[in-house]
Amino acid sequence: MDTSEFRDAMSRLGAAVSVISTDGSAGRFGFTATAVTSVTDTPPTLLVCMNRASYANPHFKQNGVLCVNVLAGDQGEIAAVFANSKISSDERFARTTWETLKSGAPVMQEALVNFDCRIAAVHEVGTHSLFLCEIDAIKQGQQGSGLAYFNRAYHALHDGTKI
């Protein structure tokens, strides 16, 4: 299968946008992700996918913790900053306010919801690392619209309107 055809097809699969953050002995790092999904509620577990070639990949593995910070509809700029490899980690984290919960991973205060996790297992599949993350704590943010990535662009999702 042609890689560009696959990527073009995947651009039509809309997904929520999150900033994935970590801190620990390997330092503080973060990246923008759309490849996040629930796995099970017993124990509460998420799957987070990260490119193995990412500069941050070994640091997430070494720290063993992460937080999935689900972005609000007006946080497209934050998503773009954490997706830009030319912006330093310190500059990325300076763009918004952070705290910590149980794991010690950075928790974005303005996120819609934060999933504070321990990395329970890592599986390497092709170009990506699949992190199975057991949730230690959840912080619910304010109600609001969500941020989705579709057709290679960020889009605010409206809250409260059902189809």
Protein backbone atom coordinates (compact mmCIF):
# COMPACT_ATOMS: atom_id res chain seq x y z
CA MET A 1 0.00 0.00 0.00
CA ASP A 2 1.19 3.49 -0.85
CA THR A 3 1.99 5.49 2.32
CA SER A 4 0.72 8.79 0.91
CA GLU A 5 -2.60 7.19 -0.06
CA PHE A 6 -2.96 5.80 3.46
CA ARG A 7 -2.16 9.19 5.04
CA ASP A 8 -4.62 10.96 2.75
CA ALA A 9 -7.34 8.49 3.65
CA MET A 10 -6.58 8.85 7.38
CA SER A 11 -6.88 12.65 7.12
CA ARG A 12 -10.59 12.04 6.59
CA LEU A 13 -10.93 10.22 9.90
CA GLY A 14 -11.66 13.02 12.36
CA ALA A 15 -10.25 12.71 15.87
CA ALA A 16 -10.10 14.61 19.14
CA VAL A 17 -6.90 16.59 19.72
CA SER A 18 -4.86 16.20 22.90
CA VAL A 19 -1.52 17.36 24.21
CA ILE A 20 0.34 14.45 25.75
CA SER A 21 2.77 15.54 28.48
CA THR A 22 5.37 13.88 30.68
CA ASP A 23 7.90 14.84 33.34
CA GLY A 24 10.39 12.93 35.42
CA SER A 25 14.05 11.96 35.42
CA ALA A 26 14.21 12.27 31.61
CA GLY A 27 12.79 15.80 31.65
CA ARG A 28 9.58 17.53 30.64
CA PHE A 29 8.23 16.88 27.14
CA GLY A 30 4.95 17.11 25.26
CA PHE A 31 3.45 16.50 21.84
CA THR A 32 0.13 16.88 20.04
CA ALA A 33 -1.76 13.66 19.34
CA THR A 34 -4.97 12.49 17.74
CA ALA A 35 -4.18 8.80 18.16
CA VAL A 36 -5.70 8.36 21.64
CA THR A 37 -8.50 5.97 22.53
CA SER A 38 -10.00 4.17 25.48
CA VAL A 39 -9.12 0.50 25.88
CA THR A 40 -11.07 -0.65 28.93
CA ASP A 41 -12.74 0.76 32.03
CA THR A 42 -11.48 -2.03 34.29
CA PRO A 43 -8.79 -0.96 34.96
CA PRO A 44 -9.34 2.43 33.29
CA THR A 45 -6.83 2.37 30.43
CA LEU A 46 -6.03 4.53 27.40
CA LEU A 47 -3.99 3.82 24.28
CA VAL A 48 -1.67 6.62 23.12
CA CYS A 49 0.32 6.28 19.90
CA MET A 50 3.59 8.15 19.27
CA ASN A 51 6.01 8.06 16.35
CA ARG A 52 9.13 6.11 17.32
CA ALA A 53 11.28 8.71 15.53
CA SER A 54 9.99 11.51 17.79
CA TYR A 55 12.70 13.21 19.84
CA ALA A 56 10.45 12.79 22.91
CA ASN A 57 9.77 9.06 22.53
CA PRO A 58 12.62 7.75 24.74
CA HIS A 59 11.85 10.38 27.39
CA PHE A 60 8.23 9.24 27.73
CA LYS A 61 9.44 5.65 28.10
CA GLN A 62 12.00 6.59 30.74
CA ASN A 63 9.61 8.78 32.75
CA GLY A 64 6.92 6.07 32.74
CA VAL A 65 4.09 8.59 33.22
CA LEU A 66 2.01 10.85 31.00
CA CYS A 67 -1.07 13.01 30.98
CA VAL A 68 -3.60 13.15 28.15
CA ASN A 69 -4.81 16.77 28.10
CA VAL A 70 -7.91 16.92 25.89
CA LEU A 71 -8.05 20.31 24.16
CA ALA A 72 -10.97 22.71 23.93
CA GLY A 73 -12.23 24.15 20.65
CA ASP A 74 -10.33 27.43 21.11
CA GLN A 75 -6.96 25.75 21.80
CA GLY A 76 -5.83 25.15 18.21
CA GLU A 77 -2.81 27.39 18.78
CA ILE A 78 -1.67 25.21 21.71
CA ALA A 79 -2.06 22.12 19.52
CA ALA A 80 0.04 23.75 16.79
CA VAL A 81 2.78 24.74 19.26
CA PHE A 82 3.08 21.22 20.68
CA ALA A 83 3.10 19.79 17.13
CA ASN A 84 5.98 22.05 16.01
CA SER A 85 9.35 20.31 16.42
CA LYS A 86 11.16 23.65 16.03
CA ILE A 87 9.76 25.00 19.31
CA SER A 88 11.71 24.01 22.43
CA SER A 89 10.08 22.10 25.26
CA ASP A 90 10.44 25.09 27.60
CA GLU A 91 8.75 27.40 25.07
CA ARG A 92 5.90 24.92 24.58
CA PHE A 93 5.14 24.63 28.27
CA ALA A 94 5.37 28.41 28.76
CA ARG A 95 2.29 28.90 26.53
CA THR A 96 -0.21 27.72 29.15
CA THR A 97 -0.59 26.94 32.88
CA TRP A 98 0.33 23.56 34.38
CA GLU A 99 -0.11 21.65 37.62
CA THR A 100 0.36 18.01 38.65
CA LEU A 101 -1.89 15.30 40.00
CA LYS A 102 -0.93 11.82 41.20
CA SER A 103 1.68 10.73 38.62
CA GLY A 104 3.68 13.97 38.51
CA ALA A 105 3.08 14.41 34.76
CA PRO A 106 2.20 17.98 33.72
CA VAL A 107 -1.56 18.61 33.74
CA MET A 108 -2.81 21.48 31.54
CA GLN A 109 -5.15 23.58 33.68
CA GLU A 110 -7.26 24.85 30.75
CA ALA A 111 -7.95 21.43 29.17
CA LEU A 112 -11.46 20.00 28.87
CA VAL A 113 -10.35 16.91 30.76
CA ASN A 114 -7.03 15.48 31.94
CA PHE A 115 -6.19 11.80 32.23
CA ASP A 116 -3.20 11.38 34.56
CA CYS A 117 -1.58 8.03 33.76
CA ARG A 118 1.16 5.52 34.42
CA ILE A 119 2.54 3.79 31.32
CA ALA A 120 1.71 0.12 31.97
CA ALA A 121 3.16 -1.30 28.73
CA VAL A 122 4.73 -0.20 25.46
CA HIS A 123 4.41 -2.11 22.18
CA GLU A 124 6.34 -1.23 19.06
CA VAL A 125 4.30 -1.52 15.84
CA GLY A 126 5.84 -0.31 12.59
CA THR A 127 6.78 3.35 12.93
CA HIS A 128 4.97 3.89 16.24
CA SER A 129 5.12 3.11 19.94
CA LEU A 130 1.78 2.15 21.47
CA PHE A 131 1.56 3.22 25.10
CA LEU A 132 -1.01 1.41 27.25
CA CYS A 133 -1.70 3.88 30.03
CA GLU A 134 -3.49 3.08 33.28
CA ILE A 135 -5.34 6.12 34.59
CA ASP A 136 -4.46 7.18 38.15
CA ALA A 137 -6.51 10.39 38.26
CA ILE A 138 -8.97 12.38 36.16
CA LYS A 139 -9.53 16.13 36.33
CA GLN A 140 -12.66 17.46 34.64
CA GLY A 141 -12.31 20.96 33.24
CA GLN A 142 -14.96 23.43 32.22
CA GLN A 143 -17.69 22.44 29.79
CA GLY A 144 -17.07 23.68 26.29
CA SER A 145 -16.50 22.78 22.70
CA GLY A 146 -13.88 20.20 21.77
CA LEU A 147 -11.06 20.39 19.24
CA ALA A 148 -10.93 17.91 16.36
CA TYR A 149 -8.42 17.33 13.59
CA PHE A 150 -10.00 16.61 10.21
CA ASN A 151 -8.69 16.95 6.65
CA ARG A 152 -5.36 18.27 7.94
CA ALA A 153 -6.89 21.16 9.92
CA TYR A 154 -8.17 21.91 13.43
CA HIS A 155 -11.93 22.38 13.88
CA ALA A 156 -13.91 23.45 16.95
CA LEU A 157 -16.74 21.08 17.81
CA HIS A 158 -19.91 22.60 19.18
CA ASP A 159 -21.10 21.43 22.57
CA GLY A 160 -24.68 20.75 23.50
CA THR A 161 -26.06 20.23 20.01
CA LYS A 162 -27.20 16.70 19.34
CA ILE A 163 -27.97 15.25 15.97
